[in-house]
Amino acid sequence: MLNPYTGNALKTYEKVHPQGAYFVNKLYKFGENKYYYINSKGYMHFRLIGRVKFHGKYMYYVSGQTLTKDNMLKDTGAYSSYYDELSQAIDRLNEMVKEAC
């Protein structure tokens, strides 16, 4: 499997994904509402589900980040859609990973 990371970025990669082998573009969970996948080039992409309150009602959204070679997170932007239910945000997250294939 490809792994473009070295140094501190490799340490971060191994902390998040300690099992070594992975399936390309498979969504893994590593915390509450925190997910990641590894693309075909070996780069780690994070998808986080956030919660905001609009007019007294909680809404959910999906944000994206990528681990760079210099051990930084590059924001790939929040997605403009908001969802009433957490399950809807998770469904959207799965769609995004499939689109990345």
C-alpha atoms as a PDB file:
ATOM      1  CA  MET A   1       0.000   0.000   0.000  1.00  0.00           C
ATOM      2  CA  LEU A   2       1.179   3.492  -0.775  1.00  0.00           C
ATOM      3  CA  ASN A   3       2.065   5.875   2.013  1.00  0.00           C
ATOM      4  CA  PRO A   4       3.355   9.348   1.063  1.00  0.00           C
ATOM      5  CA  TYR A   5       4.071  10.406   4.661  1.00  0.00           C
ATOM      6  CA  THR A   6       7.369  10.627   6.546  1.00  0.00           C
ATOM      7  CA  GLY A   7       8.473  12.054   9.901  1.00  0.00           C
ATOM      8  CA  ASN A   8       5.789  13.602  12.098  1.00  0.00           C
ATOM      9  CA  ALA A   9       3.116  13.167   9.423  1.00  0.00           C
ATOM     10  CA  LEU A  10       3.819   9.420   9.425  1.00  0.00           C
ATOM     11  CA  LYS A  11       3.481   9.344  13.230  1.00  0.00           C
ATOM     12  CA  THR A  12       0.117  11.085  12.974  1.00  0.00           C
ATOM     13  CA  TYR A  13      -0.971   8.694  10.230  1.00  0.00           C
ATOM     14  CA  GLU A  14      -0.026   5.676  12.366  1.00  0.00           C
ATOM     15  CA  LYS A  15      -1.834   7.068  15.436  1.00  0.00           C
ATOM     16  CA  VAL A  16      -5.041   7.462  13.474  1.00  0.00           C
ATOM     17  CA  HIS A  17      -4.707   4.251  11.433  1.00  0.00           C
ATOM     18  CA  PRO A  18      -2.574   1.836  13.519  1.00  0.00           C
ATOM     19  CA  GLN A  19      -3.573  -1.375  11.724  1.00  0.00           C
ATOM     20  CA  GLY A  20      -1.281  -0.805   8.710  1.00  0.00           C
ATOM     21  CA  ALA A  21      -3.223  -2.282   5.770  1.00  0.00           C
ATOM     22  CA  TYR A  22      -6.311  -0.474   4.527  1.00  0.00           C
ATOM     23  CA  PHE A  23      -8.975  -0.605   1.871  1.00  0.00           C
ATOM     24  CA  VAL A  24      -8.868   2.315  -0.547  1.00  0.00           C
ATOM     25  CA  ASN A  25     -11.718   4.806  -0.010  1.00  0.00           C
ATOM     26  CA  LYS A  26     -13.222   2.771   2.838  1.00  0.00           C
ATOM     27  CA  LEU A  27     -14.664   4.980   5.548  1.00  0.00           C
ATOM     28  CA  TYR A  28     -13.174   4.340   9.009  1.00  0.00           C
ATOM     29  CA  LYS A  29     -14.465   5.839  12.253  1.00  0.00           C
ATOM     30  CA  PHE A  30     -11.965   7.130  14.824  1.00  0.00           C
ATOM     31  CA  GLY A  31     -14.079   9.099  17.272  1.00  0.00           C
ATOM     32  CA  GLU A  32     -17.497  10.517  17.813  1.00  0.00           C
ATOM     33  CA  ASN A  33     -18.595  11.939  14.465  1.00  0.00           C
ATOM     34  CA  LYS A  34     -15.009  11.717  13.153  1.00  0.00           C
ATOM     35  CA  TYR A  35     -14.219   9.624  10.095  1.00  0.00           C
ATOM     36  CA  TYR A  36     -11.370   9.179   7.675  1.00  0.00           C
ATOM     37  CA  TYR A  37     -10.489   7.342   4.508  1.00  0.00           C
ATOM     38  CA  ILE A  38      -7.282   6.798   2.583  1.00  0.00           C
ATOM     39  CA  ASN A  39      -7.341   7.437  -1.146  1.00  0.00           C
ATOM     40  CA  SER A  40      -5.583   5.441  -3.873  1.00  0.00           C
ATOM     41  CA  LYS A  41      -2.447   7.598  -3.558  1.00  0.00           C
ATOM     42  CA  GLY A  42      -2.213   6.903   0.192  1.00  0.00           C
ATOM     43  CA  TYR A  43      -3.340  10.324   1.404  1.00  0.00           C
ATOM     44  CA  MET A  44      -5.507  10.455   4.523  1.00  0.00           C
ATOM     45  CA  HIS A  45      -8.733  12.458   4.268  1.00  0.00           C
ATOM     46  CA  PHE A  46     -10.803  13.389   7.302  1.00  0.00           C
ATOM     47  CA  ARG A  47     -14.530  13.976   7.319  1.00  0.00           C
ATOM     48  CA  LEU A  48     -15.982  15.509  10.452  1.00  0.00           C
ATOM     49  CA  ILE A  49     -19.635  15.942  11.239  1.00  0.00           C
ATOM     50  CA  GLY A  50     -20.290  19.188  13.049  1.00  0.00           C
ATOM     51  CA  ARG A  51     -23.346  20.499  14.811  1.00  0.00           C
ATOM     52  CA  VAL A  52     -24.649  24.068  14.801  1.00  0.00           C
ATOM     53  CA  LYS A  53     -27.746  25.642  16.259  1.00  0.00           C
ATOM     54  CA  PHE A  54     -30.115  27.637  14.035  1.00  0.00           C
ATOM     55  CA  HIS A  55     -33.132  29.293  15.629  1.00  0.00           C
ATOM     56  CA  GLY A  56     -33.086  26.875  18.559  1.00  0.00           C
ATOM     57  CA  LYS A  57     -32.739  23.767  16.396  1.00  0.00           C
ATOM     58  CA  TYR A  58     -29.583  21.710  15.932  1.00  0.00           C
ATOM     59  CA  MET A  59     -28.417  21.048  12.380  1.00  0.00           C
ATOM     60  CA  TYR A  60     -25.538  18.866  11.159  1.00  0.00           C
ATOM     61  CA  TYR A  61     -22.976  19.469   8.422  1.00  0.00           C
ATOM     62  CA  VAL A  62     -19.952  17.647   7.000  1.00  0.00           C
ATOM     63  CA  SER A  63     -16.509  19.258   6.799  1.00  0.00           C
ATOM     64  CA  GLY A  64     -13.419  17.919   5.082  1.00  0.00           C
ATOM     65  CA  GLN A  65      -9.684  18.035   5.773  1.00  0.00           C
ATOM     66  CA  THR A  66      -6.611  16.324   4.350  1.00  0.00           C
ATOM     67  CA  LEU A  67      -3.409  15.396   6.198  1.00  0.00           C
ATOM     68  CA  THR A  68      -0.520  17.024   4.324  1.00  0.00           C
ATOM     69  CA  LYS A  69       3.067  15.763   4.048  1.00  0.00           C
ATOM     70  CA  ASP A  70       4.203  18.410   6.548  1.00  0.00           C
ATOM     71  CA  ASN A  71       1.774  17.112   9.225  1.00  0.00           C
ATOM     72  CA  MET A  72      -0.804  19.855   8.840  1.00  0.00           C
ATOM     73  CA  LEU A  73      -4.504  19.595   8.147  1.00  0.00           C
ATOM     74  CA  LYS A  74      -5.570  21.299   4.939  1.00  0.00           C
ATOM     75  CA  ASP A  75      -9.186  22.384   5.025  1.00  0.00           C
ATOM     76  CA  THR A  76     -11.065  21.199   1.968  1.00  0.00           C
ATOM     77  CA  GLY A  77     -14.061  23.257   3.010  1.00  0.00           C
ATOM     78  CA  ALA A  78     -17.342  22.776   4.769  1.00  0.00           C
ATOM     79  CA  TYR A  79     -20.142  21.528   2.604  1.00  0.00           C
ATOM     80  CA  SER A  80     -23.018  23.942   2.311  1.00  0.00           C
ATOM     81  CA  SER A  81     -25.787  21.480   3.027  1.00  0.00           C
ATOM     82  CA  TYR A  82     -27.183  21.200   6.520  1.00  0.00           C
ATOM     83  CA  TYR A  83     -29.131  18.215   7.759  1.00  0.00           C
ATOM     84  CA  ASP A  84     -31.846  17.846  10.386  1.00  0.00           C
ATOM     85  CA  GLU A  85     -30.640  14.423  11.500  1.00  0.00           C
ATOM     86  CA  LEU A  86     -27.212  12.964  12.152  1.00  0.00           C
ATOM     87  CA  SER A  87     -28.086   9.925  10.022  1.00  0.00           C
ATOM     88  CA  GLN A  88     -28.641  12.210   7.005  1.00  0.00           C
ATOM     89  CA  ALA A  89     -25.183  13.745   7.473  1.00  0.00           C
ATOM     90  CA  ILE A  90     -23.637  10.257   7.689  1.00  0.00           C
ATOM     91  CA  ASP A  91     -25.429   9.239   4.482  1.00  0.00           C
ATOM     92  CA  ARG A  92     -24.016  12.341   2.758  1.00  0.00           C
ATOM     93  CA  LEU A  93     -20.568  11.504   4.094  1.00  0.00           C
ATOM     94  CA  ASN A  94     -20.767   8.027   2.535  1.00  0.00           C
ATOM     95  CA  GLU A  95     -21.836   9.569  -0.781  1.00  0.00           C
ATOM     96  CA  MET A  96     -18.851  11.933  -0.693  1.00  0.00           C
ATOM     97  CA  VAL A  97     -16.432   9.037  -0.209  1.00  0.00           C
ATOM     98  CA  LYS A  98     -17.994   7.141  -3.121  1.00  0.00           C
ATOM     99  CA  GLU A  99     -17.671  10.256  -5.297  1.00  0.00           C
ATOM    100  CA  ALA A 100     -13.963  10.432  -4.419  1.00  0.00           C
ATOM    101  CA  CYS A 101     -13.334   7.019  -5.988  1.00  0.00           C
END
